[in-house]
Structures are given as structure tokens and as C-alpha cells.
N, C-alpha and C. Protein backbone atom coordinates (compact mmCIF):
# COMPACT_ATOMS: atom_id res chain seq x y z
N MET A 1 20.72 -3.32 9.80
CA MET A 1 19.92 -3.82 9.15
C MET A 1 20.78 -5.04 8.91
N ILE A 2 20.44 -5.96 8.46
CA ILE A 2 20.61 -7.68 8.05
C ILE A 2 20.09 -7.22 6.10
N SER A 3 21.27 -7.30 5.40
CA SER A 3 20.82 -6.74 3.99
C SER A 3 20.59 -8.48 3.08
N LEU A 4 20.66 -8.40 1.68
CA LEU A 4 20.79 -10.00 0.89
C LEU A 4 21.64 -9.68 0.53
N SER A 5 21.86 -10.85 0.35
CA SER A 5 23.30 -11.50 -1.04
C SER A 5 22.87 -11.38 -2.10
N ALA A 6 21.07 -11.69 -2.45
CA ALA A 6 21.16 -12.09 -3.69
C ALA A 6 19.87 -11.37 -3.98
N PRO A 7 19.39 -10.49 -5.25
CA PRO A 7 17.88 -10.06 -5.38
C PRO A 7 16.90 -10.83 -5.42
N LEU A 8 15.89 -10.60 -4.52
CA LEU A 8 14.31 -11.21 -4.49
C LEU A 8 13.57 -11.02 -5.77
N LYS A 9 13.15 -12.40 -6.05
CA LYS A 9 12.33 -12.28 -7.05
C LYS A 9 10.94 -11.89 -7.07
N LYS A 10 10.32 -11.12 -8.40
CA LYS A 10 9.24 -10.48 -8.29
C LYS A 10 8.25 -11.54 -8.89
N PRO A 11 6.80 -11.23 -8.68
CA PRO A 11 6.47 -9.65 -7.82
C PRO A 11 7.04 -9.52 -5.94
N VAL A 12 6.83 -8.65 -5.71
CA VAL A 12 7.39 -8.32 -4.01
C VAL A 12 6.32 -7.84 -3.04
N ILE A 13 5.51 -8.81 -2.62
CA ILE A 13 4.54 -8.69 -1.30
C ILE A 13 4.94 -7.98 -0.09
N LEU A 14 4.65 -6.93 0.52
CA LEU A 14 4.92 -6.11 1.77
C LEU A 14 3.30 -6.33 2.28
N LEU A 15 3.31 -7.80 3.56
CA LEU A 15 2.40 -8.04 4.28
C LEU A 15 2.52 -7.02 6.18
N ALA A 16 1.28 -6.57 5.71
CA ALA A 16 1.02 -5.54 7.36
C ALA A 16 0.50 -6.36 8.19
N ASN A 17 0.48 -6.10 9.31
CA ASN A 17 -0.57 -6.88 10.30
C ASN A 17 -1.39 -6.60 10.76
N GLY A 18 -2.07 -6.15 9.61
CA GLY A 18 -3.51 -4.93 9.94
C GLY A 18 -4.70 -6.58 9.06
N GLU A 19 -5.80 -6.06 8.59
CA GLU A 19 -6.68 -7.07 7.96
C GLU A 19 -6.32 -8.08 7.12
N PHE A 20 -6.22 -9.09 7.14
CA PHE A 20 -5.68 -10.42 6.44
C PHE A 20 -6.64 -10.43 5.00
N PRO A 21 -5.82 -10.51 3.89
CA PRO A 21 -6.60 -10.42 2.59
C PRO A 21 -8.06 -11.40 2.23
N VAL A 22 -8.94 -11.14 2.71
CA VAL A 22 -10.23 -12.02 1.75
C VAL A 22 -10.34 -11.59 0.79
N HIS A 23 -10.75 -10.59 0.11
CA HIS A 23 -11.31 -10.21 -0.95
C HIS A 23 -10.64 -10.91 -2.15
N HIS A 24 -11.00 -11.03 -3.46
CA HIS A 24 -9.91 -12.38 -4.15
C HIS A 24 -9.09 -11.26 -4.77
N LEU A 25 -9.45 -10.12 -4.68
CA LEU A 25 -7.97 -9.21 -5.38
C LEU A 25 -6.39 -9.40 -4.71
N PRO A 26 -6.68 -9.14 -3.34
CA PRO A 26 -5.67 -8.85 -2.72
C PRO A 26 -5.10 -10.69 -2.27
N LYS A 27 -5.86 -11.11 -2.13
CA LYS A 27 -5.95 -12.79 -2.22
C LYS A 27 -4.98 -13.17 -3.29
N TYR A 28 -5.52 -12.97 -4.63
CA TYR A 28 -4.29 -13.42 -5.95
C TYR A 28 -3.24 -12.90 -5.82
N LEU A 29 -3.32 -11.54 -5.20
CA LEU A 29 -1.86 -11.04 -5.88
C LEU A 29 -1.11 -11.91 -4.12
N LEU A 30 -1.63 -12.18 -3.49
CA LEU A 30 -0.56 -13.24 -2.36
C LEU A 30 -0.52 -14.34 -1.81
N ASP A 31 -1.15 -15.37 -3.20
CA ASP A 31 -0.97 -16.59 -3.86
C ASP A 31 -0.41 -16.50 -4.91
N ASN A 32 -0.05 -15.53 -5.86
CA ASN A 32 0.52 -15.29 -7.24
C ASN A 32 2.28 -14.48 -6.95
N SER A 33 2.66 -14.43 -5.09
CA SER A 33 3.91 -13.81 -5.51
C SER A 33 5.20 -14.20 -5.50
N GLU A 34 5.93 -14.03 -5.61
CA GLU A 34 7.52 -14.57 -5.71
C GLU A 34 7.99 -14.48 -4.58
N THR A 35 7.96 -13.30 -3.71
CA THR A 35 8.44 -12.62 -2.58
C THR A 35 7.55 -12.24 -1.44
N ILE A 36 7.60 -12.43 -0.64
CA ILE A 36 6.57 -11.78 1.10
C ILE A 36 7.39 -11.54 1.84
N ILE A 37 7.10 -10.41 1.84
CA ILE A 37 7.89 -9.06 3.49
C ILE A 37 6.99 -9.26 4.46
N CYS A 38 7.36 -9.94 5.46
CA CYS A 38 6.08 -9.85 6.05
C CYS A 38 6.76 -8.83 7.83
N THR A 39 5.58 -8.04 8.45
CA THR A 39 5.70 -7.12 8.98
C THR A 39 5.56 -7.97 10.45
N ASP A 40 6.54 -8.12 11.13
CA ASP A 40 5.90 -8.82 12.48
C ASP A 40 4.97 -9.91 12.61
N GLY A 41 4.25 -9.37 13.74
CA GLY A 41 3.03 -10.21 13.36
C GLY A 41 1.89 -10.58 11.97
N ALA A 42 2.61 -10.18 11.18
CA ALA A 42 2.00 -10.95 10.16
C ALA A 42 3.00 -12.12 9.63
N THR A 43 3.19 -11.85 10.20
CA THR A 43 4.14 -13.51 9.75
C THR A 43 3.16 -14.97 9.72
N ASP A 44 3.19 -14.83 11.41
CA ASP A 44 1.70 -15.75 12.04
C ASP A 44 0.91 -16.36 11.03
N LYS A 45 0.06 -14.77 10.83
CA LYS A 45 -0.99 -15.11 10.23
C LYS A 45 -0.95 -15.59 8.03
N LEU A 46 0.42 -15.60 7.86
CA LEU A 46 0.70 -15.70 6.92
C LEU A 46 0.69 -17.43 6.95
N ILE A 47 1.39 -17.64 7.78
CA ILE A 47 1.82 -19.09 8.43
C ILE A 47 0.33 -20.17 8.46
N LYS A 48 -0.52 -19.20 9.18
CA LYS A 48 -1.49 -19.56 9.34
C LYS A 48 -2.51 -19.81 8.15
N TYR A 49 -2.33 -19.10 6.93
CA TYR A 49 -2.82 -19.19 6.10
C TYR A 49 -2.13 -20.22 5.09
N GLY A 50 -1.18 -20.70 5.43
CA GLY A 50 -0.75 -21.75 4.99
C GLY A 50 0.44 -21.24 3.68
N LEU A 51 0.82 -19.79 3.73
CA LEU A 51 2.12 -19.18 3.23
C LEU A 51 3.44 -19.55 3.91
N GLU A 52 4.38 -19.27 3.64
CA GLU A 52 5.62 -18.93 4.30
C GLU A 52 6.44 -17.32 3.83
N PRO A 53 6.71 -16.54 5.15
CA PRO A 53 7.30 -15.53 4.70
C PRO A 53 9.13 -15.62 3.99
N THR A 54 9.06 -14.95 2.84
CA THR A 54 10.31 -14.84 2.40
C THR A 54 11.42 -14.23 3.57
N VAL A 55 11.12 -12.81 4.01
CA VAL A 55 11.62 -12.13 5.16
C VAL A 55 10.72 -11.46 6.86
N THR A 56 10.93 -11.55 8.19
CA THR A 56 10.19 -11.01 8.43
C THR A 56 11.46 -9.73 9.47
N ILE A 57 10.35 -8.85 9.54
CA ILE A 57 10.79 -7.83 10.13
C ILE A 57 9.87 -7.09 11.15
N GLY A 58 10.81 -5.92 12.04
CA GLY A 58 9.95 -5.62 12.67
C GLY A 58 11.02 -5.39 13.92
N ASP A 59 10.39 -4.80 15.10
CA ASP A 59 10.38 -4.67 16.52
C ASP A 59 10.72 -6.24 16.69
N LEU A 60 9.26 -6.78 16.52
CA LEU A 60 9.45 -8.57 16.57
C LEU A 60 8.81 -8.93 18.29
N ASP A 61 8.07 -7.80 18.34
CA ASP A 61 7.01 -8.01 19.50
C ASP A 61 5.44 -8.20 19.37
N SER A 62 5.51 -8.52 18.14
CA SER A 62 4.18 -9.36 17.88
C SER A 62 3.97 -10.74 17.85
N THR A 63 4.70 -10.56 17.12
CA THR A 63 4.90 -12.71 16.70
C THR A 63 4.85 -13.74 17.78
N LYS A 64 4.33 -14.43 17.33
CA LYS A 64 4.44 -15.50 18.67
C LYS A 64 5.47 -16.58 18.26
N LEU A 65 6.54 -16.38 17.19
CA LEU A 65 7.38 -16.83 16.76
C LEU A 65 8.75 -16.48 17.36
N SER A 66 9.99 -17.65 16.94
CA SER A 66 11.20 -17.48 17.41
C SER A 66 11.76 -17.16 15.87
N GLU A 67 13.35 -16.68 16.13
CA GLU A 67 13.94 -17.03 14.73
C GLU A 67 14.13 -17.83 14.13
N HIS A 68 13.95 -19.19 15.09
CA HIS A 68 14.52 -20.21 14.92
C HIS A 68 12.58 -21.48 14.26
N GLU A 69 11.98 -20.68 14.54
CA GLU A 69 10.80 -21.28 14.63
C GLU A 69 10.10 -20.60 13.18
N SER A 70 10.62 -19.52 12.65
CA SER A 70 10.12 -18.75 11.62
C SER A 70 11.19 -18.80 10.54
N PRO A 71 10.64 -19.56 9.40
CA PRO A 71 11.21 -19.71 8.24
C PRO A 71 11.53 -18.81 7.22
N GLY A 72 12.39 -18.27 6.43
CA GLY A 72 12.97 -16.93 5.73
C GLY A 72 13.85 -16.49 6.86
N LEU A 73 14.22 -14.93 6.29
CA LEU A 73 14.98 -14.11 7.27
C LEU A 73 14.34 -13.39 7.67
N TRP A 74 15.53 -13.39 8.80
CA TRP A 74 14.80 -12.55 10.64
C TRP A 74 15.54 -11.18 10.21
N VAL A 75 14.89 -10.25 10.51
CA VAL A 75 15.66 -8.99 10.40
C VAL A 75 15.24 -8.26 11.51
N PRO A 76 15.99 -7.94 12.81
CA PRO A 76 15.27 -7.56 13.96
C PRO A 76 15.39 -5.84 13.56
N ALA A 77 14.41 -5.12 13.60
CA ALA A 77 14.60 -3.48 13.45
C ALA A 77 14.27 -2.80 14.88
N GLN A 78 15.20 -2.25 15.61
CA GLN A 78 14.56 -1.76 16.70
C GLN A 78 13.99 -0.25 16.91
N ASP A 79 14.08 0.72 16.07
CA ASP A 79 13.96 1.81 16.09
C ASP A 79 12.57 2.19 16.46
N GLN A 80 12.05 2.62 18.04
CA GLN A 80 11.17 3.04 18.37
C GLN A 80 9.76 4.08 17.55
N ASN A 81 11.27 5.19 16.83
CA ASN A 81 10.49 6.20 16.03
C ASN A 81 9.82 5.61 14.86
N LYS A 82 9.93 5.12 14.04
CA LYS A 82 9.62 4.14 12.53
C LYS A 82 8.39 2.82 13.19
N THR A 83 7.65 2.74 12.25
CA THR A 83 6.49 1.95 12.73
C THR A 83 7.09 0.64 11.80
N ASP A 84 6.70 -0.82 11.93
CA ASP A 84 7.02 -1.78 11.29
C ASP A 84 6.98 -1.65 9.70
N LEU A 85 6.03 -0.72 9.36
CA LEU A 85 5.59 -0.99 7.86
C LEU A 85 6.77 -0.09 7.53
N GLN A 86 7.37 0.94 7.95
CA GLN A 86 8.48 2.13 8.05
C GLN A 86 9.96 1.23 7.62
N LYS A 87 9.97 0.60 8.80
CA LYS A 87 11.16 0.02 8.72
C LYS A 87 11.28 -1.27 7.65
N ALA A 88 10.11 -1.48 7.26
CA ALA A 88 10.74 -2.62 6.28
C ALA A 88 10.43 -2.14 4.48
N LEU A 89 10.01 -0.78 4.50
CA LEU A 89 9.99 -0.41 3.38
C LEU A 89 11.46 0.77 3.25
N ASP A 90 11.88 0.89 4.32
CA ASP A 90 13.49 1.14 4.33
C ASP A 90 14.51 0.32 4.20
N TRP A 91 14.22 -1.05 4.78
CA TRP A 91 14.90 -1.96 3.62
C TRP A 91 14.56 -2.73 3.04
N CYS A 92 13.74 -2.22 2.48
CA CYS A 92 13.08 -2.69 0.77
C CYS A 92 14.38 -1.84 -0.03
N ILE A 93 14.57 -0.61 0.23
CA ILE A 93 15.17 0.22 -0.19
C ILE A 93 16.51 -0.12 -0.60
N ILE A 94 16.99 0.02 0.74
CA ILE A 94 18.84 -0.65 1.07
C ILE A 94 18.90 -1.64 0.06
N ASN A 95 18.17 -2.64 -0.09
CA ASN A 95 18.01 -3.68 -0.70
C ASN A 95 17.73 -3.60 -2.95
N ASN A 96 17.42 -2.22 -2.89
CA ASN A 96 17.38 -2.35 -4.09
C ASN A 96 16.21 -2.63 -4.53
N ILE A 97 15.22 -3.14 -4.06
CA ILE A 97 13.59 -3.51 -4.08
C ILE A 97 13.02 -2.04 -4.73
N THR A 98 12.22 -2.00 -5.77
CA THR A 98 12.07 -1.02 -6.20
C THR A 98 9.83 -0.97 -7.12
N GLU A 99 9.65 -2.13 -6.67
CA GLU A 99 8.41 -1.97 -6.77
C GLU A 99 7.73 -3.37 -5.86
N ILE A 100 6.94 -2.51 -5.15
CA ILE A 100 6.63 -3.16 -3.68
C ILE A 100 4.51 -2.94 -4.00
N THR A 101 3.99 -4.18 -3.67
CA THR A 101 2.57 -3.80 -3.24
C THR A 101 2.28 -3.95 -1.72
N ILE A 102 1.44 -3.13 -1.11
CA ILE A 102 1.21 -3.67 0.12
C ILE A 102 -0.11 -3.98 0.34
N LEU A 103 -0.26 -5.29 1.30
CA LEU A 103 -1.16 -5.42 1.51
C LEU A 103 -1.24 -5.55 3.11
N GLY A 104 -2.74 -6.07 3.83
CA GLY A 104 -2.89 -5.98 4.75
C GLY A 104 -3.00 -4.52 5.86
N ALA A 105 -2.77 -3.58 5.07
CA ALA A 105 -2.66 -1.89 5.59
C ALA A 105 -3.37 -1.66 6.72
N GLY A 106 -4.92 -2.05 6.63
CA GLY A 106 -6.07 -1.70 6.44
C GLY A 106 -6.65 -2.77 7.47
N GLY A 107 -7.76 -1.30 8.07
CA GLY A 107 -8.42 -2.43 9.49
C GLY A 107 -8.12 -2.46 10.52
N ILE A 108 -8.81 -3.36 11.45
CA ILE A 108 -8.32 -3.41 12.77
C ILE A 108 -8.36 -2.07 13.62
N ARG A 109 -7.25 -1.37 13.54
CA ARG A 109 -6.97 -0.40 14.01
C ARG A 109 -7.35 0.71 13.26
N GLU A 110 -7.94 1.87 12.94
CA GLU A 110 -8.26 3.12 12.44
C GLU A 110 -6.78 4.31 12.66
N ASP A 111 -6.37 3.89 13.74
CA ASP A 111 -4.91 4.89 13.93
C ASP A 111 -3.54 4.64 13.02
N HIS A 112 -3.82 2.74 12.81
CA HIS A 112 -2.60 2.07 12.18
C HIS A 112 -3.36 2.56 10.76
N ALA A 113 -4.44 2.24 10.20
CA ALA A 113 -4.57 2.58 9.08
C ALA A 113 -4.30 4.15 7.99
N LEU A 114 -4.79 5.00 9.27
CA LEU A 114 -4.71 6.28 8.92
C LEU A 114 -2.97 6.50 8.73
N GLY A 115 -2.15 5.89 9.84
CA GLY A 115 -0.86 6.31 9.40
C GLY A 115 -0.22 5.24 8.60
N ASN A 116 -0.35 4.13 8.03
CA ASN A 116 -0.46 3.45 6.80
C ASN A 116 -0.57 3.92 5.12
N LEU A 117 -1.55 5.70 5.48
CA LEU A 117 -1.61 6.07 4.79
C LEU A 117 -0.82 7.21 4.39
N HIS A 118 -0.23 7.72 5.18
CA HIS A 118 0.52 8.18 5.32
C HIS A 118 1.93 8.24 4.91
N ILE A 119 2.54 7.46 4.88
CA ILE A 119 3.38 6.07 5.09
C ILE A 119 3.26 6.02 3.34
N LEU A 120 1.99 5.62 3.05
CA LEU A 120 2.60 5.29 1.33
C LEU A 120 2.75 6.38 0.61
N ALA A 121 2.29 7.86 1.42
CA ALA A 121 3.18 9.38 0.58
C ALA A 121 4.24 9.77 1.08
N GLU A 122 4.52 9.14 2.05
CA GLU A 122 5.81 9.32 2.28
C GLU A 122 6.48 8.67 1.91
N TYR A 123 6.93 7.90 1.19
CA TYR A 123 7.70 7.04 0.47
C TYR A 123 7.53 7.37 -0.90
N GLN A 124 6.48 8.03 -1.56
CA GLN A 124 6.03 8.45 -2.81
C GLN A 124 7.63 9.01 -3.58
N GLY A 125 8.25 8.20 -4.82
CA GLY A 125 9.21 8.32 -5.41
C GLY A 125 10.62 8.00 -5.09
N MET A 126 10.11 7.30 -3.68
CA MET A 126 11.45 6.50 -3.28
C MET A 126 10.99 4.73 -4.08
N VAL A 127 9.68 4.40 -4.07
CA VAL A 127 10.14 2.95 -4.47
C VAL A 127 8.61 2.98 -5.12
N GLU A 128 8.31 2.38 -5.98
CA GLU A 128 7.36 2.18 -6.58
C GLU A 128 6.23 1.39 -5.78
N LEU A 129 4.78 1.83 -5.55
CA LEU A 129 3.96 1.58 -4.47
C LEU A 129 2.50 1.77 -4.11
N LYS A 130 2.00 0.70 -4.08
CA LYS A 130 0.57 0.51 -3.87
C LYS A 130 0.33 0.05 -2.92
N MET A 131 -0.98 0.35 -2.51
CA MET A 131 -1.69 -1.11 -0.97
C MET A 131 -2.77 -1.15 -2.17
N VAL A 132 -2.95 -2.72 -1.59
CA VAL A 132 -4.39 -2.82 -1.86
C VAL A 132 -5.21 -3.71 -0.37
N THR A 133 -6.40 -2.79 -0.74
CA THR A 133 -7.02 -3.75 0.80
C THR A 133 -8.13 -4.83 0.32
N ASN A 134 -8.87 -4.72 1.00
CA ASN A 134 -10.50 -5.45 1.40
C ASN A 134 -11.18 -4.78 0.66
N HIS A 135 -10.85 -3.72 0.34
CA HIS A 135 -11.77 -2.73 -0.38
C HIS A 135 -11.17 -1.98 -1.44
N ALA A 136 -10.40 -1.67 -1.72
CA ALA A 136 -9.76 -0.72 -2.92
C ALA A 136 -8.15 -1.05 -2.71
N THR A 137 -7.68 -0.34 -3.90
CA THR A 137 -6.61 0.28 -4.62
C THR A 137 -6.76 1.45 -3.98
N ILE A 138 -5.23 1.45 -3.42
CA ILE A 138 -4.51 3.03 -3.23
C ILE A 138 -3.75 3.32 -3.99
N ASN A 139 -3.52 4.44 -4.29
CA ASN A 139 -2.12 4.66 -4.50
C ASN A 139 -1.98 6.45 -4.05
N CYS A 140 -0.72 6.75 -4.01
CA CYS A 140 -0.70 8.24 -4.18
C CYS A 140 0.38 8.51 -5.34
N GLU A 141 -0.54 9.56 -5.75
CA GLU A 141 -0.35 10.38 -7.08
C GLU A 141 0.15 11.59 -7.15
N GLN A 142 0.45 11.77 -8.16
CA GLN A 142 0.97 13.62 -8.52
C GLN A 142 1.27 13.79 -9.88
N GLY A 143 0.96 15.10 -10.40
CA GLY A 143 1.47 15.48 -11.24
C GLY A 143 0.31 14.69 -13.14
N ASN A 144 0.48 14.37 -14.04
CA ASN A 144 -0.09 14.30 -14.96
C ASN A 144 -0.35 12.89 -14.88
N ARG A 145 -1.74 11.98 -15.25
CA ARG A 145 -1.70 10.71 -15.30
C ARG A 145 -3.14 10.36 -16.01
N ILE A 146 -2.63 9.42 -16.81
CA ILE A 146 -4.19 8.79 -17.53
C ILE A 146 -4.10 7.27 -16.36
N ILE A 147 -5.28 6.59 -16.15
CA ILE A 147 -5.37 5.98 -15.41
C ILE A 147 -6.27 4.89 -15.13
N SER A 148 -5.99 3.56 -15.38
CA SER A 148 -7.33 2.62 -16.04
C SER A 148 -8.65 2.60 -14.86
N SER A 149 -9.56 2.47 -15.64
CA SER A 149 -10.80 2.21 -14.63
C SER A 149 -11.63 1.02 -15.08
N GLN A 150 -12.83 1.01 -14.70
CA GLN A 150 -14.39 0.09 -14.83
C GLN A 150 -15.17 1.20 -15.22
N PRO A 151 -15.57 1.29 -15.68
CA PRO A 151 -17.01 1.93 -15.91
C PRO A 151 -18.60 1.78 -14.42
N GLY A 152 -18.48 2.56 -14.24
CA GLY A 152 -19.13 2.36 -12.70
C GLY A 152 -18.77 2.23 -11.71
N GLN A 153 -17.33 2.20 -11.75
CA GLN A 153 -16.17 2.02 -10.25
C GLN A 153 -16.21 3.05 -9.37
N ALA A 154 -16.09 2.86 -8.48
CA ALA A 154 -16.09 4.16 -7.11
C ALA A 154 -14.95 4.40 -7.07
N ILE A 155 -14.41 6.09 -7.25
CA ILE A 155 -13.15 6.48 -7.31
C ILE A 155 -13.09 7.50 -6.35
N SER A 156 -12.17 7.68 -5.46
CA SER A 156 -12.24 8.74 -4.33
C SER A 156 -10.88 9.31 -4.24
N ILE A 157 -11.09 10.85 -4.61
CA ILE A 157 -9.35 11.45 -4.33
C ILE A 157 -9.53 12.51 -3.10
N ILE A 158 -8.44 12.51 -2.67
CA ILE A 158 -8.32 13.10 -0.67
C ILE A 158 -6.67 13.57 -0.80
N ALA A 159 -7.08 14.67 -0.85
CA ALA A 159 -6.19 16.12 -0.56
C ALA A 159 -5.15 15.44 0.51
N ILE A 160 -4.07 15.39 0.23
CA ILE A 160 -3.01 15.33 1.70
C ILE A 160 -2.47 16.19 2.24
N HIS A 161 -2.53 17.03 1.26
CA HIS A 161 -1.81 18.68 2.16
C HIS A 161 -2.50 19.56 0.66
N PRO A 162 -2.97 20.82 1.39
CA PRO A 162 -3.33 21.64 0.00
C PRO A 162 -2.97 21.72 -1.20
N VAL A 163 -4.29 21.14 -2.21
CA VAL A 163 -3.83 20.96 -3.56
C VAL A 163 -3.79 22.40 -4.32
N GLU A 164 -2.93 22.73 -4.92
CA GLU A 164 -2.94 24.49 -5.54
C GLU A 164 -4.10 24.14 -6.62
N SER A 165 -4.35 23.07 -7.35
CA SER A 165 -4.23 22.86 -8.57
C SER A 165 -4.61 21.43 -9.36
N ILE A 166 -6.14 21.09 -8.96
CA ILE A 166 -6.64 19.66 -9.55
C ILE A 166 -7.62 19.65 -10.83
N THR A 167 -6.82 18.92 -11.82
CA THR A 167 -7.89 18.87 -13.11
C THR A 167 -8.09 17.07 -13.29
N VAL A 168 -9.88 16.35 -13.35
CA VAL A 168 -10.02 15.45 -13.34
C VAL A 168 -10.88 15.24 -14.33
N SER A 169 -11.05 14.48 -15.24
CA SER A 169 -12.18 14.09 -16.49
C SER A 169 -11.91 12.64 -16.45
N GLY A 170 -13.25 12.55 -17.18
CA GLY A 170 -13.82 10.96 -17.40
C GLY A 170 -13.93 10.58 -15.80
N LEU A 171 -14.79 10.76 -15.38
CA LEU A 171 -15.48 10.75 -13.98
C LEU A 171 -16.55 11.11 -13.92
N LYS A 172 -17.99 10.93 -13.28
CA LYS A 172 -19.38 11.26 -13.22
C LYS A 172 -18.78 13.22 -12.55
N TYR A 173 -18.02 13.12 -11.70
CA TYR A 173 -17.88 14.51 -11.58
C TYR A 173 -16.76 15.43 -11.51
N PRO A 174 -16.32 15.66 -12.61
CA PRO A 174 -15.16 16.41 -13.39
C PRO A 174 -14.65 17.64 -12.22
N MET A 175 -13.18 17.83 -12.39
CA MET A 175 -12.88 19.05 -12.03
C MET A 175 -11.83 19.64 -12.85
N VAL A 176 -11.78 21.19 -13.25
CA VAL A 176 -10.68 22.01 -13.57
C VAL A 176 -10.11 22.44 -12.73
N ASN A 177 -9.20 22.88 -13.15
CA ASN A 177 -8.18 23.61 -12.01
C ASN A 177 -8.49 24.35 -10.76
N GLN A 178 -8.92 23.31 -9.56
CA GLN A 178 -9.64 23.85 -8.92
C GLN A 178 -8.74 23.28 -7.91
N ARG A 179 -8.52 24.08 -6.49
CA ARG A 179 -8.00 23.83 -5.59
C ARG A 179 -8.92 23.18 -4.83
N LEU A 180 -8.10 21.93 -3.91
CA LEU A 180 -8.78 20.86 -3.37
C LEU A 180 -8.30 21.09 -1.66
N LEU A 181 -8.79 21.10 -0.94
CA LEU A 181 -8.22 21.19 0.32
C LEU A 181 -8.42 19.66 1.18
N PRO A 182 -7.60 19.24 1.88
CA PRO A 182 -8.00 17.80 2.81
C PRO A 182 -9.13 17.95 3.13
N SER A 183 -10.62 17.09 2.73
CA SER A 183 -11.52 17.10 3.07
C SER A 183 -12.18 15.76 2.21
N SER A 184 -13.38 15.55 2.49
CA SER A 184 -14.56 14.65 2.13
C SER A 184 -14.83 15.07 0.67
N ARG A 185 -14.28 16.27 -0.31
CA ARG A 185 -15.22 16.79 -1.29
C ARG A 185 -14.87 15.89 -2.63
N ALA A 186 -13.78 15.61 -2.45
CA ALA A 186 -14.01 14.83 -3.99
C ALA A 186 -13.53 13.07 -3.85
N ILE A 187 -14.72 12.74 -2.69
CA ILE A 187 -14.89 11.70 -2.48
C ILE A 187 -15.79 10.74 -3.44
N CYS A 188 -16.63 9.55 -3.42
CA CYS A 188 -17.59 8.95 -4.09
C CYS A 188 -18.05 9.35 -5.39
N ASN A 189 -16.85 9.66 -6.60
CA ASN A 189 -16.95 10.10 -7.59
C ASN A 189 -17.11 8.38 -8.29
N GLU A 190 -17.20 8.65 -9.75
CA GLU A 190 -18.20 7.17 -10.20
C GLU A 190 -16.97 7.55 -11.51
N ALA A 191 -16.31 6.14 -11.96
CA ALA A 191 -15.32 6.28 -13.67
C ALA A 191 -16.61 6.15 -14.50
N LEU A 192 -16.86 6.89 -15.91
CA LEU A 192 -17.35 6.83 -16.58
C LEU A 192 -17.00 5.88 -17.82
N ASN A 193 -15.51 5.66 -18.12
CA ASN A 193 -15.35 4.75 -19.01
C ASN A 193 -14.18 3.67 -18.39
N HIS A 194 -13.16 3.47 -19.69
CA HIS A 194 -12.50 2.16 -18.78
C HIS A 194 -10.85 3.36 -18.63
N GLU A 195 -11.10 4.39 -18.66
CA GLU A 195 -9.65 5.41 -18.02
C GLU A 195 -10.41 6.74 -17.69
N PHE A 196 -9.29 7.45 -16.88
CA PHE A 196 -9.84 8.49 -16.84
C PHE A 196 -8.49 9.56 -16.86
N SER A 197 -8.11 10.35 -16.36
CA SER A 197 -7.38 11.19 -16.74
C SER A 197 -7.00 12.49 -14.81
N LEU A 198 -6.40 12.54 -14.93
CA LEU A 198 -5.50 12.95 -13.45
C LEU A 198 -4.72 14.18 -13.55
N ASP A 199 -4.44 15.25 -13.00
CA ASP A 199 -3.68 16.47 -13.18
C ASP A 199 -3.58 16.82 -11.87
N THR A 200 -2.84 16.91 -10.92
CA THR A 200 -2.73 17.12 -9.98
C THR A 200 -1.25 18.03 -9.50
N SER A 201 -1.36 19.44 -9.06
CA SER A 201 -0.02 19.86 -8.44
C SER A 201 0.07 18.89 -7.35
N ASP A 202 -0.21 18.79 -6.36
CA ASP A 202 0.03 18.43 -5.32
C ASP A 202 0.13 16.71 -4.80
N PRO A 203 0.42 16.00 -4.11
CA PRO A 203 0.37 14.74 -3.80
C PRO A 203 -1.15 14.76 -3.11
N VAL A 204 -2.02 13.65 -3.80
CA VAL A 204 -3.37 13.16 -3.52
C VAL A 204 -3.39 11.61 -3.14
N TRP A 205 -3.97 11.14 -2.58
CA TRP A 205 -4.55 9.57 -2.06
C TRP A 205 -5.92 9.94 -3.46
N LEU A 206 -5.52 8.55 -4.17
CA LEU A 206 -5.93 7.78 -4.92
C LEU A 206 -6.68 6.66 -4.84
N PHE A 207 -7.83 6.47 -4.29
CA PHE A 207 -8.57 5.11 -3.89
C PHE A 207 -9.48 4.43 -4.71
N MET A 208 -9.27 3.39 -5.45
CA MET A 208 -9.98 2.77 -6.17
C MET A 208 -10.91 1.76 -5.81
N ASN A 209 -12.23 1.76 -5.62
CA ASN A 209 -12.83 0.49 -5.10
C ASN A 209 -12.82 -0.59 -5.85
N HIS A 210 -12.97 -1.60 -5.30
CA HIS A 210 -12.66 -2.65 -6.01
C HIS A 210 -14.24 -2.80 -6.83
N THR A 211 -14.58 -3.32 -7.84
CA THR A 211 -15.91 -3.26 -8.00
C THR A 211 -16.78 -4.56 -8.32
N ASP A 212 -15.74 -5.98 -7.43
CA ASP A 212 -16.91 -6.98 -6.87
C ASP A 212 -16.62 -7.69 -5.97
């Protein structure tokens, strides 16, 4: 896989080929990024939007562009056992990119959106990673955390695997040393203040829905 001769500038956006950013938060992140890494056909959407990719990576079967037509670095990655998002994250890790915001990973196809959530969990600990869709900011969390929030903000917590113990305070519906199975049990909670605490023995998806 092609690697870099010089480090990329921060902040780094990884744009997947799902629902393109239309909410003001992911649009702001995209517009103010220094580096945009696109998976395959996301390059076409980005150019149509008026920006240029720094890197295009994937099996390149979705883009209508050729290497000579696309600006930036062109990185073919043909491993059919991995998605283009996984290939892009692997490339980032190889090139010592340690902090990434993923955009465009939700919507359009539910199977892709669910798969992307599992990729978020898979790469937890390898790189500092968050996903921002048109509806929420999504993180994979484990351990003891103090998390910034807005009063009234909708918060959902979903177990990826059975969680032996989870404690949450500062939300409308607290939890104390409870077991949490993969289910809808802890969705649609609500932040009471400007921060809340989360302590979980096992990884969970944390959905922080946009407030406007």
C-alpha cells in the first residue's frame, strides 16, 4: 500500500461513501479540515461539493474518476475481505495518523451503516476515532469517562457485546453497576447538565444526538 513521504496536516477527515454531510456540524468539520481522505466514490461527492481530496483509497470501483482525473494521492487497495473504510483506517495507521473524524458513514444503506459502527468498535484503541453523521456524534467508549454535553441533549448507549457493569450519572435515567445486553434498553436518555459520567467495563457505542 502506498505510504506518505511527509505527515498530513491536522485535522484529518475520513469521508466515507454514505450520506454526505448536510447538517451544519459535519459540514463545518469538512469545510475546516486540513486533510480529507476519501473512500472510493466519496471523492466524486466531495469534488461535486467543491472541495478536493487529499487521498482517495479503496478498490476504486465506485468512483467515476480515473487516477489522472482525481486530485490528490490515489491509493488502490484491493483486499476484498475488508471494506474501503477499513482499508482507509489501516492506511492511516500505517502512516501514523492518530486522530481521525469519520464523516459520511451513515445513511443510504443500513447494512453499511451498521457495519461502519462495528468498524468504529474494531479500531478502538488503535487510533483516536469518532464518527459524525447528520444526526449524531458517535464514539466507542470503555472505562471511566467525563463527557461534555448540552442540557436536554438526547443520549443513547448501546452495548456492543454484553457489558458486565455500567454506571451512568448526570443523565435523566441513571444506571448503577448494572449489566447491559446489546439491546435498545439504554437509548433515548437525556443529559441534565453540561457533562455526565460514564463508567463501563466493556465497550459501548455512545450516540450524542445533535441539539439543532
